[in-house]
């Protein structure tokens, strides 16, 4: 069990995917994403293993939920700055996203 204070340390925000690029250097199939989290946080990059269920071309404009306060993580030649969240469905990942469009940077809580 974790405390409420532990949960509050995780900064989850809504952002809009601006760009999705192929990531051929990744060990597992992935895309390199640029996600806009609004004025306060700005644009962050993320590596996402979502190639099975999502085509690269359909990702820009889609809102997602991500953890924005993890330290950057080097993934091959790419620096991932946030963790885009999803639900495992077998070996595939289904992106978490708001049902309605909301302001970029909106806090999850």
PDB file of N, CA and C in Angstrom:
ATOM      1  N   UNK A   1       0.837  -1.179   0.000  1.00  0.00           N
ATOM      2  CA  UNK A   1       0.000   0.000   0.000  1.00  0.00           C
ATOM      3  C   UNK A   1       0.888   1.251   0.000  1.00  0.00           C
ATOM      4  N   UNK A   2       0.434   2.276  -0.688  1.00  0.00           N
ATOM      5  CA  UNK A   2       1.137   3.555  -0.649  1.00  0.00           C
ATOM      6  C   UNK A   2       0.224   4.580   0.020  1.00  0.00           C
ATOM      7  N   UNK A   3       0.828   5.634   0.479  1.00  0.00           N
ATOM      8  CA  UNK A   3       0.047   6.691   1.114  1.00  0.00           C
ATOM      9  C   UNK A   3      -0.462   7.665   0.055  1.00  0.00           C
ATOM     10  N   UNK A   4      -1.418   8.496   0.430  1.00  0.00           N
ATOM     11  CA  UNK A   4      -1.919   9.537  -0.459  1.00  0.00           C
ATOM     12  C   UNK A   4      -0.782  10.467  -0.856  1.00  0.00           C
ATOM     13  N   UNK A   5       0.118  10.741   0.099  1.00  0.00           N
ATOM     14  CA  UNK A   5       1.254  11.616  -0.185  1.00  0.00           C
ATOM     15  C   UNK A   5       2.156  11.007  -1.258  1.00  0.00           C
ATOM     16  N   UNK A   6       2.322   9.689  -1.252  1.00  0.00           N
ATOM     17  CA  UNK A   6       3.102   9.031  -2.303  1.00  0.00           C
ATOM     18  C   UNK A   6       2.434   9.213  -3.661  1.00  0.00           C
ATOM     19  N   UNK A   7       1.125   9.011  -3.718  1.00  0.00           N
ATOM     20  CA  UNK A   7       0.384   9.159  -4.966  1.00  0.00           C
ATOM     21  C   UNK A   7       0.499  10.579  -5.502  1.00  0.00           C
ATOM     22  N   UNK A   8       0.435  11.564  -4.608  1.00  0.00           N
ATOM     23  CA  UNK A   8       0.497  12.967  -5.029  1.00  0.00           C
ATOM     24  C   UNK A   8       1.841  13.342  -5.654  1.00  0.00           C
ATOM     25  N   UNK A   9       2.880  12.548  -5.421  1.00  0.00           N
ATOM     26  CA  UNK A   9       4.192  12.815  -6.003  1.00  0.00           C
ATOM     27  C   UNK A   9       4.224  12.519  -7.498  1.00  0.00           C
ATOM     28  N   UNK A  10       3.312  11.665  -7.970  1.00  0.00           N
ATOM     29  CA  UNK A  10       3.270  11.295  -9.384  1.00  0.00           C
ATOM     30  C   UNK A  10       2.481  12.369 -10.135  1.00  0.00           C
ATOM     31  N   UNK A  11       3.155  13.081 -11.032  1.00  0.00           N
ATOM     32  CA  UNK A  11       2.536  14.172 -11.779  1.00  0.00           C
ATOM     33  C   UNK A  11       2.066  13.652 -13.131  1.00  0.00           C
ATOM     34  N   UNK A  12       0.770  13.347 -13.208  1.00  0.00           N
ATOM     35  CA  UNK A  12       0.170  12.843 -14.451  1.00  0.00           C
ATOM     36  C   UNK A  12      -0.599  13.986 -15.100  1.00  0.00           C
ATOM     37  N   UNK A  13      -0.339  14.191 -16.393  1.00  0.00           N
ATOM     38  CA  UNK A  13      -0.952  15.299 -17.123  1.00  0.00           C
ATOM     39  C   UNK A  13      -1.483  14.827 -18.472  1.00  0.00           C
ATOM     40  N   UNK A  14      -2.398  15.616 -19.016  1.00  0.00           N
ATOM     41  CA  UNK A  14      -2.922  15.382 -20.359  1.00  0.00           C
ATOM     42  C   UNK A  14      -2.093  16.202 -21.344  1.00  0.00           C
ATOM     43  N   UNK A  15      -1.734  15.584 -22.442  1.00  0.00           N
ATOM     44  CA  UNK A  15      -1.015  16.278 -23.504  1.00  0.00           C
ATOM     45  C   UNK A  15      -1.520  15.825 -24.864  1.00  0.00           C
ATOM     46  N   UNK A  16      -1.193  16.608 -25.880  1.00  0.00           N
ATOM     47  CA  UNK A  16      -1.584  16.282 -27.250  1.00  0.00           C
ATOM     48  C   UNK A  16      -0.345  15.899 -28.048  1.00  0.00           C
ATOM     49  N   UNK A  17      -0.413  14.771 -28.719  1.00  0.00           N
ATOM     50  CA  UNK A  17       0.708  14.326 -29.547  1.00  0.00           C
ATOM     51  C   UNK A  17       0.835  15.273 -30.739  1.00  0.00           C
ATOM     52  N   UNK A  18       2.027  15.852 -30.896  1.00  0.00           N
ATOM     53  CA  UNK A  18       2.317  16.737 -32.019  1.00  0.00           C
ATOM     54  C   UNK A  18       2.916  15.973 -33.189  1.00  0.00           C
ATOM     55  N   UNK A  19       3.829  15.057 -32.877  1.00  0.00           N
ATOM     56  CA  UNK A  19       4.538  14.293 -33.910  1.00  0.00           C
ATOM     57  C   UNK A  19       4.737  12.862 -33.444  1.00  0.00           C
ATOM     58  N   UNK A  20       4.751  11.953 -34.395  1.00  0.00           N
ATOM     59  CA  UNK A  20       5.085  10.552 -34.143  1.00  0.00           C
ATOM     60  C   UNK A  20       6.021  10.104 -35.257  1.00  0.00           C
ATOM     61  N   UNK A  21       7.197   9.619 -34.871  1.00  0.00           N
ATOM     62  CA  UNK A  21       8.197   9.179 -35.846  1.00  0.00           C
ATOM     63  C   UNK A  21       8.534   7.715 -35.610  1.00  0.00           C
ATOM     64  N   UNK A  22       8.943   7.057 -36.663  1.00  0.00           N
ATOM     65  CA  UNK A  22       9.450   5.693 -36.531  1.00  0.00           C
ATOM     66  C   UNK A  22      10.681   5.716 -35.627  1.00  0.00           C
ATOM     67  N   UNK A  23      10.935   4.605 -34.929  1.00  0.00           N
ATOM     68  CA  UNK A  23      12.086   4.498 -34.038  1.00  0.00           C
ATOM     69  C   UNK A  23      12.785   3.165 -34.329  1.00  0.00           C
ATOM     70  N   UNK A  24      13.455   3.075 -35.500  1.00  0.00           N
ATOM     71  CA  UNK A  24      14.043   1.796 -35.913  1.00  0.00           C
ATOM     72  C   UNK A  24      15.158   1.299 -34.996  1.00  0.00           C
ATOM     73  N   UNK A  25      15.772   2.199 -34.222  1.00  0.00           N
ATOM     74  CA  UNK A  25      16.875   1.795 -33.339  1.00  0.00           C
ATOM     75  C   UNK A  25      16.371   1.148 -32.039  1.00  0.00           C
ATOM     76  N   UNK A  26      15.087   1.237 -31.749  1.00  0.00           N
ATOM     77  CA  UNK A  26      14.535   0.685 -30.506  1.00  0.00           C
ATOM     78  C   UNK A  26      14.643  -0.835 -30.500  1.00  0.00           C
ATOM     79  N   UNK A  27      14.897  -1.384 -29.342  1.00  0.00           N
ATOM     80  CA  UNK A  27      15.009  -2.838 -29.194  1.00  0.00           C
ATOM     81  C   UNK A  27      13.673  -3.515 -29.519  1.00  0.00           C
ATOM     82  N   UNK A  28      12.576  -2.910 -29.022  1.00  0.00           N
ATOM     83  CA  UNK A  28      11.223  -3.384 -29.336  1.00  0.00           C
ATOM     84  C   UNK A  28      10.552  -2.324 -30.202  1.00  0.00           C
ATOM     85  N   UNK A  29       9.669  -2.723 -31.111  1.00  0.00           N
ATOM     86  CA  UNK A  29       9.026  -1.737 -31.994  1.00  0.00           C
ATOM     87  C   UNK A  29       8.388  -0.592 -31.196  1.00  0.00           C
ATOM     88  N   UNK A  30       8.708   0.641 -31.592  1.00  0.00           N
ATOM     89  CA  UNK A  30       8.223   1.817 -30.860  1.00  0.00           C
ATOM     90  C   UNK A  30       8.176   3.017 -31.790  1.00  0.00           C
ATOM     91  N   UNK A  31       7.481   4.050 -31.319  1.00  0.00           N
ATOM     92  CA  UNK A  31       7.477   5.355 -31.972  1.00  0.00           C
ATOM     93  C   UNK A  31       8.151   6.359 -31.053  1.00  0.00           C
ATOM     94  N   UNK A  32       8.746   7.388 -31.655  1.00  0.00           N
ATOM     95  CA  UNK A  32       9.226   8.556 -30.910  1.00  0.00           C
ATOM     96  C   UNK A  32       8.116   9.602 -30.997  1.00  0.00           C
ATOM     97  N   UNK A  33       7.627  10.043 -29.847  1.00  0.00           N
ATOM     98  CA  UNK A  33       6.527  10.999 -29.802  1.00  0.00           C
ATOM     99  C   UNK A  33       6.997  12.340 -29.269  1.00  0.00           C
ATOM    100  N   UNK A  34       6.404  13.421 -29.766  1.00  0.00           N
ATOM    101  CA  UNK A  34       6.514  14.755 -29.176  1.00  0.00           C
ATOM    102  C   UNK A  34       5.122  15.096 -28.686  1.00  0.00           C
ATOM    103  N   UNK A  35       5.025  15.416 -27.378  1.00  0.00           N
ATOM    104  CA  UNK A  35       3.724  15.646 -26.757  1.00  0.00           C
ATOM    105  C   UNK A  35       3.703  17.038 -26.133  1.00  0.00           C
ATOM    106  N   UNK A  36       2.671  17.820 -26.438  1.00  0.00           N
ATOM    107  CA  UNK A  36       2.506  19.172 -25.918  1.00  0.00           C
ATOM    108  C   UNK A  36       1.683  19.122 -24.635  1.00  0.00           C
ATOM    109  N   UNK A  37       2.295  19.549 -23.509  1.00  0.00           N
ATOM    110  CA  UNK A  37       1.633  19.573 -22.215  1.00  0.00           C
ATOM    111  C   UNK A  37       1.265  20.987 -21.781  1.00  0.00           C
ATOM    112  N   UNK A  38       1.182  21.913 -22.715  1.00  0.00           N
ATOM    113  CA  UNK A  38       0.756  23.270 -22.388  1.00  0.00           C
ATOM    114  C   UNK A  38       1.898  24.158 -21.923  1.00  0.00           C
ATOM    115  N   UNK A  39       1.552  25.394 -21.585  1.00  0.00           N
ATOM    116  CA  UNK A  39       2.557  26.417 -21.257  1.00  0.00           C
ATOM    117  C   UNK A  39       3.440  26.069 -20.071  1.00  0.00           C
ATOM    118  N   UNK A  40       2.859  25.553 -19.002  1.00  0.00           N
ATOM    119  CA  UNK A  40       3.617  25.292 -17.773  1.00  0.00           C
ATOM    120  C   UNK A  40       4.718  24.257 -17.975  1.00  0.00           C
ATOM    121  N   UNK A  41       4.421  23.199 -18.711  1.00  0.00           N
ATOM    122  CA  UNK A  41       5.361  22.080 -18.870  1.00  0.00           C
ATOM    123  C   UNK A  41       6.048  22.107 -20.227  1.00  0.00           C
ATOM    124  N   UNK A  42       5.327  22.478 -21.261  1.00  0.00           N
ATOM    125  CA  UNK A  42       5.899  22.535 -22.600  1.00  0.00           C
ATOM    126  C   UNK A  42       5.810  21.207 -23.324  1.00  0.00           C
ATOM    127  N   UNK A  43       6.686  21.032 -24.306  1.00  0.00           N
ATOM    128  CA  UNK A  43       6.710  19.832 -25.146  1.00  0.00           C
ATOM    129  C   UNK A  43       7.743  18.867 -24.585  1.00  0.00           C
ATOM    130  N   UNK A  44       7.338  17.611 -24.444  1.00  0.00           N
ATOM    131  CA  UNK A  44       8.250  16.553 -23.989  1.00  0.00           C
ATOM    132  C   UNK A  44       8.241  15.424 -25.010  1.00  0.00           C
ATOM    133  N   UNK A  45       9.339  14.663 -25.004  1.00  0.00           N
ATOM    134  CA  UNK A  45       9.489  13.536 -25.928  1.00  0.00           C
ATOM    135  C   UNK A  45       9.324  12.230 -25.165  1.00  0.00           C
ATOM    136  N   UNK A  46       8.810  11.237 -25.869  1.00  0.00           N
ATOM    137  CA  UNK A  46       8.610   9.931 -25.245  1.00  0.00           C
ATOM    138  C   UNK A  46       8.766   8.836 -26.290  1.00  0.00           C
ATOM    139  N   UNK A  47       9.268   7.698 -25.849  1.00  0.00           N
ATOM    140  CA  UNK A  47       9.282   6.496 -26.669  1.00  0.00           C
ATOM    141  C   UNK A  47       8.093   5.652 -26.231  1.00  0.00           C
ATOM    142  N   UNK A  48       7.291   5.203 -27.199  1.00  0.00           N
ATOM    143  CA  UNK A  48       6.086   4.450 -26.857  1.00  0.00           C
ATOM    144  C   UNK A  48       5.985   3.193 -27.709  1.00  0.00           C
ATOM    145  N   UNK A  49       5.846   2.051 -27.048  1.00  0.00           N
ATOM    146  CA  UNK A  49       5.714   0.764 -27.735  1.00  0.00           C
ATOM    147  C   UNK A  49       4.240   0.512 -28.049  1.00  0.00           C
ATOM    148  N   UNK A  50       3.740   1.252 -29.031  1.00  0.00           N
ATOM    149  CA  UNK A  50       2.312   1.200 -29.380  1.00  0.00           C
ATOM    150  C   UNK A  50       2.107   0.921 -30.868  1.00  0.00           C
ATOM    151  N   UNK A  51       3.099   0.341 -31.507  1.00  0.00           N
ATOM    152  CA  UNK A  51       3.065   0.183 -32.966  1.00  0.00           C
ATOM    153  C   UNK A  51       2.052  -0.855 -33.445  1.00  0.00           C
ATOM    154  N   UNK A  52       1.637  -1.763 -32.588  1.00  0.00           N
ATOM    155  CA  UNK A  52       0.707  -2.814 -33.006  1.00  0.00           C
ATOM    156  C   UNK A  52      -0.702  -2.269 -33.223  1.00  0.00           C
ATOM    157  N   UNK A  53      -1.163  -1.411 -32.313  1.00  0.00           N
ATOM    158  CA  UNK A  53      -2.547  -0.930 -32.369  1.00  0.00           C
ATOM    159  C   UNK A  53      -2.709   0.445 -33.012  1.00  0.00           C
ATOM    160  N   UNK A  54      -1.593   1.186 -33.197  1.00  0.00           N
ATOM    161  CA  UNK A  54      -1.696   2.564 -33.696  1.00  0.00           C
ATOM    162  C   UNK A  54      -0.750   2.775 -34.864  1.00  0.00           C
ATOM    163  N   UNK A  55      -1.288   3.378 -35.932  1.00  0.00           N
ATOM    164  CA  UNK A  55      -0.439   3.774 -37.051  1.00  0.00           C
ATOM    165  C   UNK A  55       0.138   5.146 -36.734  1.00  0.00           C
ATOM    166  N   UNK A  56       1.366   5.354 -37.108  1.00  0.00           N
ATOM    167  CA  UNK A  56       2.082   6.605 -36.834  1.00  0.00           C
ATOM    168  C   UNK A  56       1.281   7.814 -37.304  1.00  0.00           C
ATOM    169  N   UNK A  57       0.664   7.704 -38.471  1.00  0.00           N
ATOM    170  CA  UNK A  57      -0.039   8.833 -39.077  1.00  0.00           C
ATOM    171  C   UNK A  57      -1.293   9.245 -38.300  1.00  0.00           C
ATOM    172  N   UNK A  58      -1.868   8.338 -37.509  1.00  0.00           N
ATOM    173  CA  UNK A  58      -3.106   8.659 -36.801  1.00  0.00           C
ATOM    174  C   UNK A  58      -2.862   9.216 -35.399  1.00  0.00           C
ATOM    175  N   UNK A  59      -1.619   9.293 -34.971  1.00  0.00           N
ATOM    176  CA  UNK A  59      -1.330   9.730 -33.602  1.00  0.00           C
ATOM    177  C   UNK A  59      -1.330  11.252 -33.401  1.00  0.00           C
ATOM    178  N   UNK A  60      -0.792  12.062 -34.323  1.00  0.00           N
ATOM    179  CA  UNK A  60      -0.824  13.512 -34.087  1.00  0.00           C
ATOM    180  C   UNK A  60      -2.260  14.012 -33.894  1.00  0.00           C
ATOM    181  N   UNK A  61      -2.419  14.843 -32.861  1.00  0.00           N
ATOM    182  CA  UNK A  61      -3.735  15.375 -32.522  1.00  0.00           C
ATOM    183  C   UNK A  61      -4.443  14.586 -31.434  1.00  0.00           C
ATOM    184  N   UNK A  62      -3.971  13.390 -31.139  1.00  0.00           N
ATOM    185  CA  UNK A  62      -4.592  12.539 -30.114  1.00  0.00           C
ATOM    186  C   UNK A  62      -4.105  12.985 -28.731  1.00  0.00           C
ATOM    187  N   UNK A  63      -5.038  13.120 -27.797  1.00  0.00           N
ATOM    188  CA  UNK A  63      -4.651  13.438 -26.428  1.00  0.00           C
ATOM    189  C   UNK A  63      -4.325  12.159 -25.680  1.00  0.00           C
ATOM    190  N   UNK A  64      -3.321  12.231 -24.807  1.00  0.00           N
ATOM    191  CA  UNK A  64      -2.870  11.095 -24.016  1.00  0.00           C
ATOM    192  C   UNK A  64      -2.628  11.550 -22.585  1.00  0.00           C
ATOM    193  N   UNK A  65      -2.462  10.586 -21.708  1.00  0.00           N
ATOM    194  CA  UNK A  65      -2.118  10.849 -20.316  1.00  0.00           C
ATOM    195  C   UNK A  65      -0.700  10.330 -20.105  1.00  0.00           C
ATOM    196  N   UNK A  66       0.122  11.138 -19.434  1.00  0.00           N
ATOM    197  CA  UNK A  66       1.523  10.756 -19.229  1.00  0.00           C
ATOM    198  C   UNK A  66       2.002  11.200 -17.857  1.00  0.00           C
ATOM    199  N   UNK A  67       2.990  10.482 -17.349  1.00  0.00           N
ATOM    200  CA  UNK A  67       3.706  10.906 -16.146  1.00  0.00           C
ATOM    201  C   UNK A  67       4.817  11.834 -16.629  1.00  0.00           C
ATOM    202  N   UNK A  68       4.831  13.069 -16.109  1.00  0.00           N
ATOM    203  CA  UNK A  68       5.776  14.070 -16.609  1.00  0.00           C
ATOM    204  C   UNK A  68       6.912  14.376 -15.643  1.00  0.00           C
ATOM    205  N   UNK A  69       6.951  13.723 -14.470  1.00  0.00           N
ATOM    206  CA  UNK A  69       8.011  14.058 -13.517  1.00  0.00           C
ATOM    207  C   UNK A  69       8.952  12.896 -13.205  1.00  0.00           C
ATOM    208  N   UNK A  70       9.052  11.924 -14.111  1.00  0.00           N
ATOM    209  CA  UNK A  70      10.129  10.940 -14.018  1.00  0.00           C
ATOM    210  C   UNK A  70      11.402  11.581 -14.559  1.00  0.00           C
ATOM    211  N   UNK A  71      12.573  11.150 -14.103  1.00  0.00           N
ATOM    212  CA  UNK A  71      13.801  11.662 -14.729  1.00  0.00           C
ATOM    213  C   UNK A  71      13.894  11.162 -16.166  1.00  0.00           C
ATOM    214  N   UNK A  72      14.530  11.922 -17.056  1.00  0.00           N
ATOM    215  CA  UNK A  72      14.703  11.463 -18.439  1.00  0.00           C
ATOM    216  C   UNK A  72      15.393  10.102 -18.473  1.00  0.00           C
ATOM    217  N   UNK A  73      15.028   9.297 -19.469  1.00  0.00           N
ATOM    218  CA  UNK A  73      15.589   7.950 -19.606  1.00  0.00           C
ATOM    219  C   UNK A  73      16.143   7.783 -21.010  1.00  0.00           C
ATOM    220  N   UNK A  74      17.392   7.366 -21.093  1.00  0.00           N
ATOM    221  CA  UNK A  74      18.032   7.123 -22.385  1.00  0.00           C
ATOM    222  C   UNK A  74      17.546   5.794 -22.942  1.00  0.00           C
ATOM    223  N   UNK A  75      16.979   5.823 -24.140  1.00  0.00           N
ATOM    224  CA  UNK A  75      16.528   4.612 -24.819  1.00  0.00           C
ATOM    225  C   UNK A  75      17.250   4.593 -26.160  1.00  0.00           C
ATOM    226  N   UNK A  76      18.336   3.835 -26.222  1.00  0.00           N
ATOM    227  CA  UNK A  76      19.182   3.851 -27.416  1.00  0.00           C
ATOM    228  C   UNK A  76      19.683   5.265 -27.623  1.00  0.00           C
ATOM    229  N   UNK A  77      19.542   5.805 -28.846  1.00  0.00           N
ATOM    230  CA  UNK A  77      20.027   7.157 -29.128  1.00  0.00           C
ATOM    231  C   UNK A  77      19.014   8.252 -28.746  1.00  0.00           C
ATOM    232  N   UNK A  78      17.903   7.872 -28.097  1.00  0.00           N
ATOM    233  CA  UNK A  78      16.788   8.787 -27.841  1.00  0.00           C
ATOM    234  C   UNK A  78      16.625   9.023 -26.346  1.00  0.00           C
ATOM    235  N   UNK A  79      16.368  10.272 -25.954  1.00  0.00           N
ATOM    236  CA  UNK A  79      16.123  10.606 -24.556  1.00  0.00           C
ATOM    237  C   UNK A  79      14.617  10.770 -24.350  1.00  0.00           C
ATOM    238  N   UNK A  80      14.027   9.850 -23.584  1.00  0.00           N
ATOM    239  CA  UNK A  80      12.599   9.904 -23.290  1.00  0.00           C
ATOM    240  C   UNK A  80      12.399  10.749 -22.034  1.00  0.00           C
ATOM    241  N   UNK A  81      11.497  11.734 -22.115  1.00  0.00           N
ATOM    242  CA  UNK A  81      11.317  12.710 -21.036  1.00  0.00           C
ATOM    243  C   UNK A  81      10.016  12.536 -20.257  1.00  0.00           C
ATOM    244  N   UNK A  82       9.147  11.647 -20.710  1.00  0.00           N
ATOM    245  CA  UNK A  82       7.893  11.390 -19.994  1.00  0.00           C
ATOM    246  C   UNK A  82       7.446   9.972 -20.319  1.00  0.00           C
ATOM    247  N   UNK A  83       6.505   9.458 -19.525  1.00  0.00           N
ATOM    248  CA  UNK A  83       5.975   8.113 -19.740  1.00  0.00           C
ATOM    249  C   UNK A  83       4.520   8.215 -20.168  1.00  0.00           C
ATOM    250  N   UNK A  84       4.255   7.960 -21.441  1.00  0.00           N
ATOM    251  CA  UNK A  84       2.886   7.926 -21.941  1.00  0.00           C
ATOM    252  C   UNK A  84       2.258   6.642 -21.405  1.00  0.00           C
ATOM    253  N   UNK A  85       1.085   6.790 -20.795  1.00  0.00           N
ATOM    254  CA  UNK A  85       0.472   5.663 -20.092  1.00  0.00           C
ATOM    255  C   UNK A  85      -0.490   4.889 -20.976  1.00  0.00           C
ATOM    256  N   UNK A  86      -0.562   3.600 -20.697  1.00  0.00           N
ATOM    257  CA  UNK A  86      -1.460   2.724 -21.426  1.00  0.00           C
ATOM    258  C   UNK A  86      -1.818   1.510 -20.597  1.00  0.00           C
ATOM    259  N   UNK A  87      -2.725   0.730 -21.131  1.00  0.00           N
ATOM    260  CA  UNK A  87      -3.184  -0.491 -20.491  1.00  0.00           C
ATOM    261  C   UNK A  87      -2.745  -1.664 -21.352  1.00  0.00           C
ATOM    262  N   UNK A  88      -2.135  -2.673 -20.720  1.00  0.00           N
ATOM    263  CA  UNK A  88      -1.750  -3.858 -21.476  1.00  0.00           C
ATOM    264  C   UNK A  88      -2.984  -4.687 -21.797  1.00  0.00           C
ATOM    265  N   UNK A  89      -3.092  -5.033 -23.073  1.00  0.00           N
ATOM    266  CA  UNK A  89      -4.116  -5.951 -23.556  1.00  0.00           C
ATOM    267  C   UNK A  89      -3.338  -7.065 -24.241  1.00  0.00           C
ATOM    268  N   UNK A  90      -3.045  -8.116 -23.478  1.00  0.00           N
ATOM    269  CA  UNK A  90      -2.115  -9.126 -23.967  1.00  0.00           C
ATOM    270  C   UNK A  90      -0.740  -8.488 -24.065  1.00  0.00           C
ATOM    271  N   UNK A  91      -0.107  -8.535 -25.249  1.00  0.00           N
ATOM    272  CA  UNK A  91       1.201  -7.907 -25.456  1.00  0.00           C
ATOM    273  C   UNK A  91       1.095  -6.498 -26.023  1.00  0.00           C
ATOM    274  N   UNK A  92      -0.119  -6.034 -26.299  1.00  0.00           N
ATOM    275  CA  UNK A  92      -0.334  -4.721 -26.897  1.00  0.00           C
ATOM    276  C   UNK A  92      -0.646  -3.688 -25.816  1.00  0.00           C
ATOM    277  N   UNK A  93      -0.429  -2.411 -26.161  1.00  0.00           N
ATOM    278  CA  UNK A  93      -0.706  -1.319 -25.239  1.00  0.00           C
ATOM    279  C   UNK A  93      -1.793  -0.433 -25.826  1.00  0.00           C
ATOM    280  N   UNK A  94      -2.864  -0.226 -25.039  1.00  0.00           N
ATOM    281  CA  UNK A  94      -3.955   0.673 -25.402  1.00  0.00           C
ATOM    282  C   UNK A  94      -3.723   1.978 -24.653  1.00  0.00           C
ATOM    283  N   UNK A  95      -3.606   3.077 -25.375  1.00  0.00           N
ATOM    284  CA  UNK A  95      -3.323   4.376 -24.760  1.00  0.00           C
ATOM    285  C   UNK A  95      -4.443   4.823 -23.831  1.00  0.00           C
ATOM    286  N   UNK A  96      -4.061   5.421 -22.691  1.00  0.00           N
ATOM    287  CA  UNK A  96      -5.029   6.084 -21.821  1.00  0.00           C
ATOM    288  C   UNK A  96      -5.238   7.482 -22.370  1.00  0.00           C
ATOM    289  N   UNK A  97      -6.498   7.898 -22.451  1.00  0.00           N
ATOM    290  CA  UNK A  97      -6.791   9.220 -22.986  1.00  0.00           C
ATOM    291  C   UNK A  97      -8.114   9.713 -22.422  1.00  0.00           C
ATOM    292  N   UNK A  98      -8.297  11.031 -22.361  1.00  0.00           N
ATOM    293  CA  UNK A  98      -9.580  11.550 -21.889  1.00  0.00           C
ATOM    294  C   UNK A  98     -10.688  11.241 -22.883  1.00  0.00           C
ATOM    295  N   UNK A  99     -11.903  11.112 -22.384  1.00  0.00           N
ATOM    296  CA  UNK A  99     -13.055  10.846 -23.240  1.00  0.00           C
ATOM    297  C   UNK A  99     -13.400  12.094 -24.054  1.00  0.00           C
ATOM    298  N   UNK A 100     -13.237  13.266 -23.439  1.00  0.00           N
ATOM    299  CA  UNK A 100     -13.493  14.543 -24.108  1.00  0.00           C
ATOM    300  C   UNK A 100     -12.199  15.335 -24.180  1.00  0.00           C
ATOM    301  N   UNK A 101     -12.103  16.224 -25.162  1.00  0.00           N
ATOM    302  CA  UNK A 101     -10.913  17.076 -25.284  1.00  0.00           C
ATOM    303  C   UNK A 101     -10.833  17.997 -24.072  1.00  0.00           C
ATOM    304  N   UNK A 102      -9.633  18.050 -23.482  1.00  0.00           N
ATOM    305  CA  UNK A 102      -9.389  18.920 -22.329  1.00  0.00           C
ATOM    306  C   UNK A 102      -8.138  19.752 -22.604  1.00  0.00           C
ATOM    307  N   UNK A 103      -7.878  20.712 -21.746  1.00  0.00           N
ATOM    308  CA  UNK A 103      -6.728  21.591 -21.925  1.00  0.00           C
ATOM    309  C   UNK A 103      -5.430  20.824 -21.693  1.00  0.00           C
ATOM    310  N   UNK A 104      -4.451  21.038 -22.590  1.00  0.00           N
ATOM    311  CA  UNK A 104      -3.135  20.421 -22.406  1.00  0.00           C
ATOM    312  C   UNK A 104      -2.561  20.877 -21.071  1.00  0.00           C
ATOM    313  N   UNK A 105      -1.951  19.921 -20.357  1.00  0.00           N
ATOM    314  CA  UNK A 105      -1.364  20.219 -19.067  1.00  0.00           C
ATOM    315  C   UNK A 105      -2.314  19.968 -17.914  1.00  0.00           C
ATOM    316  N   UNK A 106      -3.576  19.626 -18.210  1.00  0.00           N
ATOM    317  CA  UNK A 106      -4.524  19.337 -17.132  1.00  0.00           C
ATOM    318  C   UNK A 106      -3.987  18.202 -16.273  1.00  0.00           C
ATOM    319  N   UNK A 107      -4.093  18.373 -14.961  1.00  0.00           N
ATOM    320  CA  UNK A 107      -3.558  17.415 -14.007  1.00  0.00           C
ATOM    321  C   UNK A 107      -4.566  16.282 -13.776  1.00  0.00           C
ATOM    322  N   UNK A 108      -4.052  15.071 -13.667  1.00  0.00           N
ATOM    323  CA  UNK A 108      -4.857  13.900 -13.320  1.00  0.00           C
ATOM    324  C   UNK A 108      -4.772  13.737 -11.804  1.00  0.00           C
ATOM    325  N   UNK A 109      -5.881  13.491 -11.177  1.00  0.00           N
ATOM    326  CA  UNK A 109      -5.832  13.328  -9.720  1.00  0.00           C
ATOM    327  C   UNK A 109      -7.125  12.851  -9.161  1.00  0.00           C
TER     328      UNK A 109
END
